[in-house]
């Protein structure tokens, strides 16, 4: 599993991609490679034969909301010192600001 390949500088990215390709070709079909990355053109071109699943930043909005609500509601200090309207406001801020998570 490789996450953030798009965040490597171009030369390092090419070296890593070449090393993964060498491993893949040397393997007899047992090696599985999972890449999590933004949709950069060189990556899309290099791996066009693979399976692609696109996840947009808005896809996790409900997950963020559930997680923050769970943490706020499960914390006795937050329940004691934050009004429910304040907790709701915190959840809304995380939903709005968490688009790149």
PDB file of N, CA and C in Angstrom:
ATOM      1  N   UNK A   1       0.845  -1.158   0.000  1.00  0.00           N
ATOM      2  CA  UNK A   1       0.000   0.000   0.000  1.00  0.00           C
ATOM      3  C   UNK A   1       0.899   1.232   0.000  1.00  0.00           C
ATOM      4  N   UNK A   2       0.643   2.127  -0.927  1.00  0.00           N
ATOM      5  CA  UNK A   2       1.402   3.363  -1.031  1.00  0.00           C
ATOM      6  C   UNK A   2       0.403   4.515  -1.024  1.00  0.00           C
ATOM      7  N   UNK A   3       0.574   5.411  -0.077  1.00  0.00           N
ATOM      8  CA  UNK A   3      -0.313   6.565   0.026  1.00  0.00           C
ATOM      9  C   UNK A   3       0.495   7.830  -0.222  1.00  0.00           C
ATOM     10  N   UNK A   4      -0.055   8.724  -0.999  1.00  0.00           N
ATOM     11  CA  UNK A   4       0.569  10.021  -1.220  1.00  0.00           C
ATOM     12  C   UNK A   4       1.653  10.027  -2.269  1.00  0.00           C
ATOM     13  N   UNK A   5       1.592   9.118  -3.226  1.00  0.00           N
ATOM     14  CA  UNK A   5       2.595   9.082  -4.289  1.00  0.00           C
ATOM     15  C   UNK A   5       2.640  10.416  -5.040  1.00  0.00           C
ATOM     16  N   UNK A   6       1.502  11.059  -5.158  1.00  0.00           N
ATOM     17  CA  UNK A   6       1.435  12.358  -5.830  1.00  0.00           C
ATOM     18  C   UNK A   6       2.186  13.448  -5.063  1.00  0.00           C
ATOM     19  N   UNK A   7       2.484  13.214  -3.785  1.00  0.00           N
ATOM     20  CA  UNK A   7       3.162  14.219  -2.973  1.00  0.00           C
ATOM     21  C   UNK A   7       4.687  14.124  -3.084  1.00  0.00           C
ATOM     22  N   UNK A   8       5.193  13.060  -3.700  1.00  0.00           N
ATOM     23  CA  UNK A   8       6.636  12.928  -3.917  1.00  0.00           C
ATOM     24  C   UNK A   8       7.059  13.881  -5.030  1.00  0.00           C
ATOM     25  N   UNK A   9       8.323  14.345  -4.942  1.00  0.00           N
ATOM     26  CA  UNK A   9       8.804  15.145  -6.066  1.00  0.00           C
ATOM     27  C   UNK A   9       8.890  14.226  -7.288  1.00  0.00           C
ATOM     28  N   UNK A  10       8.891  14.814  -8.455  1.00  0.00           N
ATOM     29  CA  UNK A  10       8.739  14.047  -9.700  1.00  0.00           C
ATOM     30  C   UNK A  10       9.810  12.961  -9.860  1.00  0.00           C
ATOM     31  N   UNK A  11      11.062  13.291  -9.561  1.00  0.00           N
ATOM     32  CA  UNK A  11      12.140  12.315  -9.745  1.00  0.00           C
ATOM     33  C   UNK A  11      11.978  11.135  -8.782  1.00  0.00           C
ATOM     34  N   UNK A  12      11.691  11.428  -7.521  1.00  0.00           N
ATOM     35  CA  UNK A  12      11.492  10.364  -6.531  1.00  0.00           C
ATOM     36  C   UNK A  12      10.290   9.510  -6.904  1.00  0.00           C
ATOM     37  N   UNK A  13       9.239  10.161  -7.364  1.00  0.00           N
ATOM     38  CA  UNK A  13       8.035   9.438  -7.777  1.00  0.00           C
ATOM     39  C   UNK A  13       8.345   8.459  -8.895  1.00  0.00           C
ATOM     40  N   UNK A  14       9.116   8.896  -9.898  1.00  0.00           N
ATOM     41  CA  UNK A  14       9.458   8.025 -11.020  1.00  0.00           C
ATOM     42  C   UNK A  14      10.293   6.834 -10.560  1.00  0.00           C
ATOM     43  N   UNK A  15      11.214   7.078  -9.619  1.00  0.00           N
ATOM     44  CA  UNK A  15      12.043   5.982  -9.092  1.00  0.00           C
ATOM     45  C   UNK A  15      11.171   4.964  -8.356  1.00  0.00           C
ATOM     46  N   UNK A  16      10.253   5.449  -7.540  1.00  0.00           N
ATOM     47  CA  UNK A  16       9.372   4.558  -6.785  1.00  0.00           C
ATOM     48  C   UNK A  16       8.446   3.786  -7.720  1.00  0.00           C
ATOM     49  N   UNK A  17       7.920   4.457  -8.735  1.00  0.00           N
ATOM     50  CA  UNK A  17       7.056   3.781  -9.700  1.00  0.00           C
ATOM     51  C   UNK A  17       7.830   2.690 -10.449  1.00  0.00           C
ATOM     52  N   UNK A  18       9.076   2.979 -10.812  1.00  0.00           N
ATOM     53  CA  UNK A  18       9.911   1.989 -11.512  1.00  0.00           C
ATOM     54  C   UNK A  18      10.200   0.790 -10.603  1.00  0.00           C
ATOM     55  N   UNK A  19      10.464   1.048  -9.327  1.00  0.00           N
ATOM     56  CA  UNK A  19      10.734  -0.042  -8.389  1.00  0.00           C
ATOM     57  C   UNK A  19       9.487  -0.912  -8.197  1.00  0.00           C
ATOM     58  N   UNK A  20       8.320  -0.288  -8.098  1.00  0.00           N
ATOM     59  CA  UNK A  20       7.084  -1.063  -7.955  1.00  0.00           C
ATOM     60  C   UNK A  20       6.802  -1.887  -9.204  1.00  0.00           C
ATOM     61  N   UNK A  21       7.073  -1.325 -10.360  1.00  0.00           N
ATOM     62  CA  UNK A  21       6.870  -2.061 -11.608  1.00  0.00           C
ATOM     63  C   UNK A  21       7.822  -3.254 -11.698  1.00  0.00           C
ATOM     64  N   UNK A  22       9.059  -3.071 -11.247  1.00  0.00           N
ATOM     65  CA  UNK A  22      10.032  -4.155 -11.240  1.00  0.00           C
ATOM     66  C   UNK A  22       9.560  -5.283 -10.318  1.00  0.00           C
ATOM     67  N   UNK A  23       9.052  -4.937  -9.150  1.00  0.00           N
ATOM     68  CA  UNK A  23       8.513  -5.939  -8.224  1.00  0.00           C
ATOM     69  C   UNK A  23       7.317  -6.666  -8.834  1.00  0.00           C
ATOM     70  N   UNK A  24       6.450  -5.895  -9.483  1.00  0.00           N
ATOM     71  CA  UNK A  24       5.252  -6.485 -10.076  1.00  0.00           C
ATOM     72  C   UNK A  24       5.611  -7.473 -11.177  1.00  0.00           C
ATOM     73  N   UNK A  25       6.564  -7.114 -12.013  1.00  0.00           N
ATOM     74  CA  UNK A  25       6.969  -7.985 -13.116  1.00  0.00           C
ATOM     75  C   UNK A  25       7.714  -9.229 -12.631  1.00  0.00           C
ATOM     76  N   UNK A  26       8.433  -9.109 -11.519  1.00  0.00           N
ATOM     77  CA  UNK A  26       9.187 -10.240 -10.980  1.00  0.00           C
ATOM     78  C   UNK A  26       8.286 -11.214 -10.233  1.00  0.00           C
ATOM     79  N   UNK A  27       7.102 -10.786  -9.876  1.00  0.00           N
ATOM     80  CA  UNK A  27       6.181 -11.604  -9.092  1.00  0.00           C
ATOM     81  C   UNK A  27       5.344 -12.484 -10.008  1.00  0.00           C
ATOM     82  N   UNK A  28       4.857 -13.574  -9.472  1.00  0.00           N
ATOM     83  CA  UNK A  28       4.037 -14.496 -10.267  1.00  0.00           C
ATOM     84  C   UNK A  28       2.543 -14.249 -10.059  1.00  0.00           C
ATOM     85  N   UNK A  29       2.154 -13.038  -9.786  1.00  0.00           N
ATOM     86  CA  UNK A  29       0.743 -12.714  -9.629  1.00  0.00           C
ATOM     87  C   UNK A  29       0.265 -12.632  -8.194  1.00  0.00           C
ATOM     88  N   UNK A  30       1.160 -12.836  -7.245  1.00  0.00           N
ATOM     89  CA  UNK A  30       0.760 -12.787  -5.839  1.00  0.00           C
ATOM     90  C   UNK A  30       0.835 -11.378  -5.259  1.00  0.00           C
ATOM     91  N   UNK A  31       1.651 -10.538  -5.826  1.00  0.00           N
ATOM     92  CA  UNK A  31       1.843  -9.184  -5.315  1.00  0.00           C
ATOM     93  C   UNK A  31       0.680  -8.288  -5.721  1.00  0.00           C
ATOM     94  N   UNK A  32       0.120  -7.622  -4.757  1.00  0.00           N
ATOM     95  CA  UNK A  32      -0.958  -6.653  -5.012  1.00  0.00           C
ATOM     96  C   UNK A  32      -0.461  -5.284  -4.563  1.00  0.00           C
ATOM     97  N   UNK A  33      -0.645  -4.289  -5.386  1.00  0.00           N
ATOM     98  CA  UNK A  33      -0.221  -2.928  -5.064  1.00  0.00           C
ATOM     99  C   UNK A  33      -1.456  -2.047  -5.019  1.00  0.00           C
ATOM    100  N   UNK A  34      -1.589  -1.314  -3.917  1.00  0.00           N
ATOM    101  CA  UNK A  34      -2.689  -0.360  -3.754  1.00  0.00           C
ATOM    102  C   UNK A  34      -2.083   1.026  -3.640  1.00  0.00           C
ATOM    103  N   UNK A  35      -2.482   1.922  -4.535  1.00  0.00           N
ATOM    104  CA  UNK A  35      -2.009   3.299  -4.516  1.00  0.00           C
ATOM    105  C   UNK A  35      -3.158   4.220  -4.130  1.00  0.00           C
ATOM    106  N   UNK A  36      -2.910   5.093  -3.181  1.00  0.00           N
ATOM    107  CA  UNK A  36      -3.872   6.132  -2.831  1.00  0.00           C
ATOM    108  C   UNK A  36      -3.218   7.456  -3.196  1.00  0.00           C
ATOM    109  N   UNK A  37      -3.847   8.185  -4.107  1.00  0.00           N
ATOM    110  CA  UNK A  37      -3.198   9.370  -4.642  1.00  0.00           C
ATOM    111  C   UNK A  37      -4.221  10.293  -5.278  1.00  0.00           C
ATOM    112  N   UNK A  38      -3.820  11.545  -5.434  1.00  0.00           N
ATOM    113  CA  UNK A  38      -4.627  12.441  -6.263  1.00  0.00           C
ATOM    114  C   UNK A  38      -4.455  12.003  -7.707  1.00  0.00           C
ATOM    115  N   UNK A  39      -5.310  12.479  -8.559  1.00  0.00           N
ATOM    116  CA  UNK A  39      -5.341  12.029  -9.949  1.00  0.00           C
ATOM    117  C   UNK A  39      -4.383  12.851 -10.814  1.00  0.00           C
ATOM    118  N   UNK A  40      -3.070  12.696 -10.585  1.00  0.00           N
ATOM    119  CA  UNK A  40      -2.076  13.359 -11.421  1.00  0.00           C
ATOM    120  C   UNK A  40      -1.957  12.614 -12.748  1.00  0.00           C
ATOM    121  N   UNK A  41      -1.675  13.352 -13.805  1.00  0.00           N
ATOM    122  CA  UNK A  41      -1.674  12.768 -15.148  1.00  0.00           C
ATOM    123  C   UNK A  41      -0.643  11.652 -15.315  1.00  0.00           C
ATOM    124  N   UNK A  42       0.590  11.833 -14.796  1.00  0.00           N
ATOM    125  CA  UNK A  42       1.591  10.778 -14.985  1.00  0.00           C
ATOM    126  C   UNK A  42       1.197   9.503 -14.254  1.00  0.00           C
ATOM    127  N   UNK A  43       0.528   9.630 -13.127  1.00  0.00           N
ATOM    128  CA  UNK A  43       0.056   8.450 -12.401  1.00  0.00           C
ATOM    129  C   UNK A  43      -1.104   7.795 -13.137  1.00  0.00           C
ATOM    130  N   UNK A  44      -2.024   8.613 -13.626  1.00  0.00           N
ATOM    131  CA  UNK A  44      -3.168   8.072 -14.370  1.00  0.00           C
ATOM    132  C   UNK A  44      -2.691   7.347 -15.620  1.00  0.00           C
ATOM    133  N   UNK A  45      -1.704   7.917 -16.318  1.00  0.00           N
ATOM    134  CA  UNK A  45      -1.164   7.274 -17.514  1.00  0.00           C
ATOM    135  C   UNK A  45      -0.439   5.977 -17.176  1.00  0.00           C
ATOM    136  N   UNK A  46       0.353   5.989 -16.122  1.00  0.00           N
ATOM    137  CA  UNK A  46       1.158   4.818 -15.767  1.00  0.00           C
ATOM    138  C   UNK A  46       0.295   3.650 -15.298  1.00  0.00           C
ATOM    139  N   UNK A  47      -0.829   3.962 -14.660  1.00  0.00           N
ATOM    140  CA  UNK A  47      -1.645   2.897 -14.072  1.00  0.00           C
ATOM    141  C   UNK A  47      -3.032   2.801 -14.689  1.00  0.00           C
ATOM    142  N   UNK A  48      -3.150   3.175 -15.953  1.00  0.00           N
ATOM    143  CA  UNK A  48      -4.457   3.163 -16.607  1.00  0.00           C
ATOM    144  C   UNK A  48      -5.042   1.764 -16.744  1.00  0.00           C
ATOM    145  N   UNK A  49      -4.221   0.738 -16.688  1.00  0.00           N
ATOM    146  CA  UNK A  49      -4.716  -0.632 -16.805  1.00  0.00           C
ATOM    147  C   UNK A  49      -5.237  -1.203 -15.497  1.00  0.00           C
ATOM    148  N   UNK A  50      -5.048  -0.483 -14.400  1.00  0.00           N
ATOM    149  CA  UNK A  50      -5.477  -0.988 -13.099  1.00  0.00           C
ATOM    150  C   UNK A  50      -6.908  -0.580 -12.789  1.00  0.00           C
ATOM    151  N   UNK A  51      -7.347  -0.982 -11.628  1.00  0.00           N
ATOM    152  CA  UNK A  51      -8.687  -0.608 -11.162  1.00  0.00           C
ATOM    153  C   UNK A  51      -8.613   0.760 -10.491  1.00  0.00           C
ATOM    154  N   UNK A  52      -9.622   1.574 -10.746  1.00  0.00           N
ATOM    155  CA  UNK A  52      -9.631   2.913 -10.182  1.00  0.00           C
ATOM    156  C   UNK A  52     -10.912   3.135  -9.388  1.00  0.00           C
ATOM    157  N   UNK A  53     -10.745   3.689  -8.213  1.00  0.00           N
ATOM    158  CA  UNK A  53     -11.876   4.094  -7.389  1.00  0.00           C
ATOM    159  C   UNK A  53     -11.647   5.558  -7.061  1.00  0.00           C
ATOM    160  N   UNK A  54     -12.576   6.383  -7.439  1.00  0.00           N
ATOM    161  CA  UNK A  54     -12.428   7.813  -7.170  1.00  0.00           C
ATOM    162  C   UNK A  54     -13.214   8.181  -5.921  1.00  0.00           C
ATOM    163  N   UNK A  55     -12.526   8.856  -5.008  1.00  0.00           N
ATOM    164  CA  UNK A  55     -13.148   9.345  -3.790  1.00  0.00           C
ATOM    165  C   UNK A  55     -12.948  10.852  -3.761  1.00  0.00           C
ATOM    166  N   UNK A  56     -14.036  11.579  -3.668  1.00  0.00           N
ATOM    167  CA  UNK A  56     -13.971  13.035  -3.621  1.00  0.00           C
ATOM    168  C   UNK A  56     -13.947  13.509  -2.171  1.00  0.00           C
ATOM    169  N   UNK A  57     -13.430  14.708  -1.960  1.00  0.00           N
ATOM    170  CA  UNK A  57     -13.308  15.218  -0.600  1.00  0.00           C
ATOM    171  C   UNK A  57     -14.657  15.315   0.100  1.00  0.00           C
ATOM    172  N   UNK A  58     -15.728  15.540  -0.631  1.00  0.00           N
ATOM    173  CA  UNK A  58     -17.053  15.631  -0.021  1.00  0.00           C
ATOM    174  C   UNK A  58     -17.626  14.296   0.393  1.00  0.00           C
ATOM    175  N   UNK A  59     -17.007  13.193  -0.063  1.00  0.00           N
ATOM    176  CA  UNK A  59     -17.514  11.860   0.244  1.00  0.00           C
ATOM    177  C   UNK A  59     -17.401  11.502   1.720  1.00  0.00           C
ATOM    178  N   UNK A  60     -16.524  12.181   2.441  1.00  0.00           N
ATOM    179  CA  UNK A  60     -16.324  11.824   3.838  1.00  0.00           C
ATOM    180  C   UNK A  60     -17.011  12.784   4.812  1.00  0.00           C
ATOM    181  N   UNK A  61     -17.826  13.679   4.302  1.00  0.00           N
ATOM    182  CA  UNK A  61     -18.475  14.680   5.143  1.00  0.00           C
ATOM    183  C   UNK A  61     -19.310  14.034   6.251  1.00  0.00           C
ATOM    184  N   UNK A  62     -20.092  13.029   5.928  1.00  0.00           N
ATOM    185  CA  UNK A  62     -20.919  12.364   6.933  1.00  0.00           C
ATOM    186  C   UNK A  62     -20.080  11.603   7.951  1.00  0.00           C
ATOM    187  N   UNK A  63     -18.968  11.018   7.491  1.00  0.00           N
ATOM    188  CA  UNK A  63     -18.079  10.314   8.415  1.00  0.00           C
ATOM    189  C   UNK A  63     -17.468  11.281   9.418  1.00  0.00           C
ATOM    190  N   UNK A  64     -17.041  12.439   8.938  1.00  0.00           N
ATOM    191  CA  UNK A  64     -16.466  13.449   9.831  1.00  0.00           C
ATOM    192  C   UNK A  64     -17.506  13.891  10.852  1.00  0.00           C
ATOM    193  N   UNK A  65     -18.716  14.133  10.377  1.00  0.00           N
ATOM    194  CA  UNK A  65     -19.790  14.565  11.280  1.00  0.00           C
ATOM    195  C   UNK A  65     -20.045  13.521  12.370  1.00  0.00           C
ATOM    196  N   UNK A  66     -20.148  12.259  11.989  1.00  0.00           N
ATOM    197  CA  UNK A  66     -20.410  11.190  12.957  1.00  0.00           C
ATOM    198  C   UNK A  66     -19.268  11.062  13.968  1.00  0.00           C
ATOM    199  N   UNK A  67     -18.038  11.147  13.493  1.00  0.00           N
ATOM    200  CA  UNK A  67     -16.890  11.008  14.371  1.00  0.00           C
ATOM    201  C   UNK A  67     -16.831  12.142  15.391  1.00  0.00           C
ATOM    202  N   UNK A  68     -16.974  13.378  14.923  1.00  0.00           N
ATOM    203  CA  UNK A  68     -16.898  14.528  15.833  1.00  0.00           C
ATOM    204  C   UNK A  68     -18.052  14.491  16.829  1.00  0.00           C
ATOM    205  N   UNK A  69     -19.262  14.175  16.364  1.00  0.00           N
ATOM    206  CA  UNK A  69     -20.398  14.050  17.290  1.00  0.00           C
ATOM    207  C   UNK A  69     -20.134  12.971  18.338  1.00  0.00           C
ATOM    208  N   UNK A  70     -19.603  11.835  17.914  1.00  0.00           N
ATOM    209  CA  UNK A  70     -19.305  10.739  18.837  1.00  0.00           C
ATOM    210  C   UNK A  70     -18.316  11.192  19.913  1.00  0.00           C
ATOM    211  N   UNK A  71     -17.265  11.891  19.488  1.00  0.00           N
ATOM    212  CA  UNK A  71     -16.246  12.350  20.438  1.00  0.00           C
ATOM    213  C   UNK A  71     -16.804  13.405  21.390  1.00  0.00           C
ATOM    214  N   UNK A  72     -17.566  14.361  20.858  1.00  0.00           N
ATOM    215  CA  UNK A  72     -18.126  15.413  21.709  1.00  0.00           C
ATOM    216  C   UNK A  72     -19.156  14.864  22.679  1.00  0.00           C
ATOM    217  N   UNK A  73     -20.001  13.989  22.204  1.00  0.00           N
ATOM    218  CA  UNK A  73     -21.062  13.446  23.055  1.00  0.00           C
ATOM    219  C   UNK A  73     -20.544  12.394  24.030  1.00  0.00           C
ATOM    220  N   UNK A  74     -19.408  11.806  23.735  1.00  0.00           N
ATOM    221  CA  UNK A  74     -18.843  10.799  24.613  1.00  0.00           C
ATOM    222  C   UNK A  74     -17.896  11.366  25.655  1.00  0.00           C
ATOM    223  N   UNK A  75     -17.649  12.654  25.580  1.00  0.00           N
ATOM    224  CA  UNK A  75     -16.735  13.300  26.515  1.00  0.00           C
ATOM    225  C   UNK A  75     -17.539  14.019  27.593  1.00  0.00           C
ATOM    226  N   UNK A  76     -17.367  13.596  28.835  1.00  0.00           N
ATOM    227  CA  UNK A  76     -18.151  14.175  29.936  1.00  0.00           C
ATOM    228  C   UNK A  76     -17.870  15.660  30.114  1.00  0.00           C
ATOM    229  N   UNK A  77     -16.620  16.065  29.925  1.00  0.00           N
ATOM    230  CA  UNK A  77     -16.280  17.482  30.067  1.00  0.00           C
ATOM    231  C   UNK A  77     -17.029  18.313  29.032  1.00  0.00           C
ATOM    232  N   UNK A  78     -17.054  17.852  27.784  1.00  0.00           N
ATOM    233  CA  UNK A  78     -17.765  18.575  26.717  1.00  0.00           C
ATOM    234  C   UNK A  78     -19.263  18.631  27.013  1.00  0.00           C
ATOM    235  N   UNK A  79     -19.803  17.539  27.498  1.00  0.00           N
ATOM    236  CA  UNK A  79     -21.228  17.519  27.819  1.00  0.00           C
ATOM    237  C   UNK A  79     -21.552  18.493  28.945  1.00  0.00           C
ATOM    238  N   UNK A  80     -20.644  18.595  29.910  1.00  0.00           N
ATOM    239  CA  UNK A  80     -20.889  19.460  31.067  1.00  0.00           C
ATOM    240  C   UNK A  80     -20.719  20.940  30.732  1.00  0.00           C
ATOM    241  N   UNK A  81     -19.692  21.281  29.941  1.00  0.00           N
ATOM    242  CA  UNK A  81     -19.344  22.684  29.733  1.00  0.00           C
ATOM    243  C   UNK A  81     -19.774  23.269  28.389  1.00  0.00           C
ATOM    244  N   UNK A  82     -20.155  22.440  27.430  1.00  0.00           N
ATOM    245  CA  UNK A  82     -20.614  22.946  26.128  1.00  0.00           C
ATOM    246  C   UNK A  82     -22.110  22.726  25.996  1.00  0.00           C
ATOM    247  N   UNK A  83     -22.820  23.777  25.703  1.00  0.00           N
ATOM    248  CA  UNK A  83     -24.243  23.631  25.397  1.00  0.00           C
ATOM    249  C   UNK A  83     -24.385  22.785  24.130  1.00  0.00           C
ATOM    250  N   UNK A  84     -25.525  22.168  23.962  1.00  0.00           N
ATOM    251  CA  UNK A  84     -25.727  21.348  22.764  1.00  0.00           C
ATOM    252  C   UNK A  84     -25.595  22.189  21.496  1.00  0.00           C
ATOM    253  N   UNK A  85     -25.989  23.474  21.559  1.00  0.00           N
ATOM    254  CA  UNK A  85     -25.851  24.354  20.386  1.00  0.00           C
ATOM    255  C   UNK A  85     -24.374  24.600  20.056  1.00  0.00           C
ATOM    256  N   UNK A  86     -23.533  24.674  21.072  1.00  0.00           N
ATOM    257  CA  UNK A  86     -22.098  24.861  20.850  1.00  0.00           C
ATOM    258  C   UNK A  86     -21.499  23.593  20.237  1.00  0.00           C
ATOM    259  N   UNK A  87     -21.899  22.438  20.746  1.00  0.00           N
ATOM    260  CA  UNK A  87     -21.413  21.171  20.177  1.00  0.00           C
ATOM    261  C   UNK A  87     -21.835  21.040  18.718  1.00  0.00           C
ATOM    262  N   UNK A  88     -23.072  21.444  18.416  1.00  0.00           N
ATOM    263  CA  UNK A  88     -23.568  21.394  17.031  1.00  0.00           C
ATOM    264  C   UNK A  88     -22.743  22.325  16.131  1.00  0.00           C
ATOM    265  N   UNK A  89     -22.409  23.493  16.661  1.00  0.00           N
ATOM    266  CA  UNK A  89     -21.601  24.456  15.910  1.00  0.00           C
ATOM    267  C   UNK A  89     -20.209  23.887  15.621  1.00  0.00           C
ATOM    268  N   UNK A  90     -19.630  23.203  16.599  1.00  0.00           N
ATOM    269  CA  UNK A  90     -18.320  22.575  16.405  1.00  0.00           C
ATOM    270  C   UNK A  90     -18.391  21.536  15.287  1.00  0.00           C
ATOM    271  N   UNK A  91     -19.429  20.715  15.306  1.00  0.00           N
ATOM    272  CA  UNK A  91     -19.606  19.705  14.262  1.00  0.00           C
ATOM    273  C   UNK A  91     -19.731  20.374  12.895  1.00  0.00           C
ATOM    274  N   UNK A  92     -20.516  21.441  12.810  1.00  0.00           N
ATOM    275  CA  UNK A  92     -20.696  22.152  11.536  1.00  0.00           C
ATOM    276  C   UNK A  92     -19.379  22.727  11.016  1.00  0.00           C
ATOM    277  N   UNK A  93     -18.567  23.260  11.922  1.00  0.00           N
ATOM    278  CA  UNK A  93     -17.270  23.812  11.509  1.00  0.00           C
ATOM    279  C   UNK A  93     -16.374  22.703  10.966  1.00  0.00           C
ATOM    280  N   UNK A  94     -16.335  21.565  11.654  1.00  0.00           N
ATOM    281  CA  UNK A  94     -15.526  20.446  11.146  1.00  0.00           C
ATOM    282  C   UNK A  94     -16.015  19.983   9.783  1.00  0.00           C
ATOM    283  N   UNK A  95     -17.301  19.947   9.576  1.00  0.00           N
ATOM    284  CA  UNK A  95     -17.842  19.526   8.275  1.00  0.00           C
ATOM    285  C   UNK A  95     -17.413  20.493   7.181  1.00  0.00           C
ATOM    286  N   UNK A  96     -17.491  21.781   7.472  1.00  0.00           N
ATOM    287  CA  UNK A  96     -17.130  22.785   6.467  1.00  0.00           C
ATOM    288  C   UNK A  96     -15.633  22.806   6.194  1.00  0.00           C
ATOM    289  N   UNK A  97     -14.832  22.744   7.238  1.00  0.00           N
ATOM    290  CA  UNK A  97     -13.384  22.893   7.093  1.00  0.00           C
ATOM    291  C   UNK A  97     -12.675  21.589   6.772  1.00  0.00           C
ATOM    292  N   UNK A  98     -13.330  20.449   6.928  1.00  0.00           N
ATOM    293  CA  UNK A  98     -12.689  19.157   6.757  1.00  0.00           C
ATOM    294  C   UNK A  98     -12.713  18.623   5.348  1.00  0.00           C
ATOM    295  N   UNK A  99     -12.897  19.448   4.358  1.00  0.00           N
ATOM    296  CA  UNK A  99     -13.046  18.956   2.990  1.00  0.00           C
ATOM    297  C   UNK A  99     -11.806  18.302   2.418  1.00  0.00           C
ATOM    298  N   UNK A 100     -10.629  18.614   2.943  1.00  0.00           N
ATOM    299  CA  UNK A 100      -9.424  18.000   2.403  1.00  0.00           C
ATOM    300  C   UNK A 100      -8.933  16.801   3.184  1.00  0.00           C
ATOM    301  N   UNK A 101      -9.686  16.362   4.184  1.00  0.00           N
ATOM    302  CA  UNK A 101      -9.241  15.268   5.057  1.00  0.00           C
ATOM    303  C   UNK A 101      -9.318  13.942   4.328  1.00  0.00           C
TER     304      UNK A 101
END
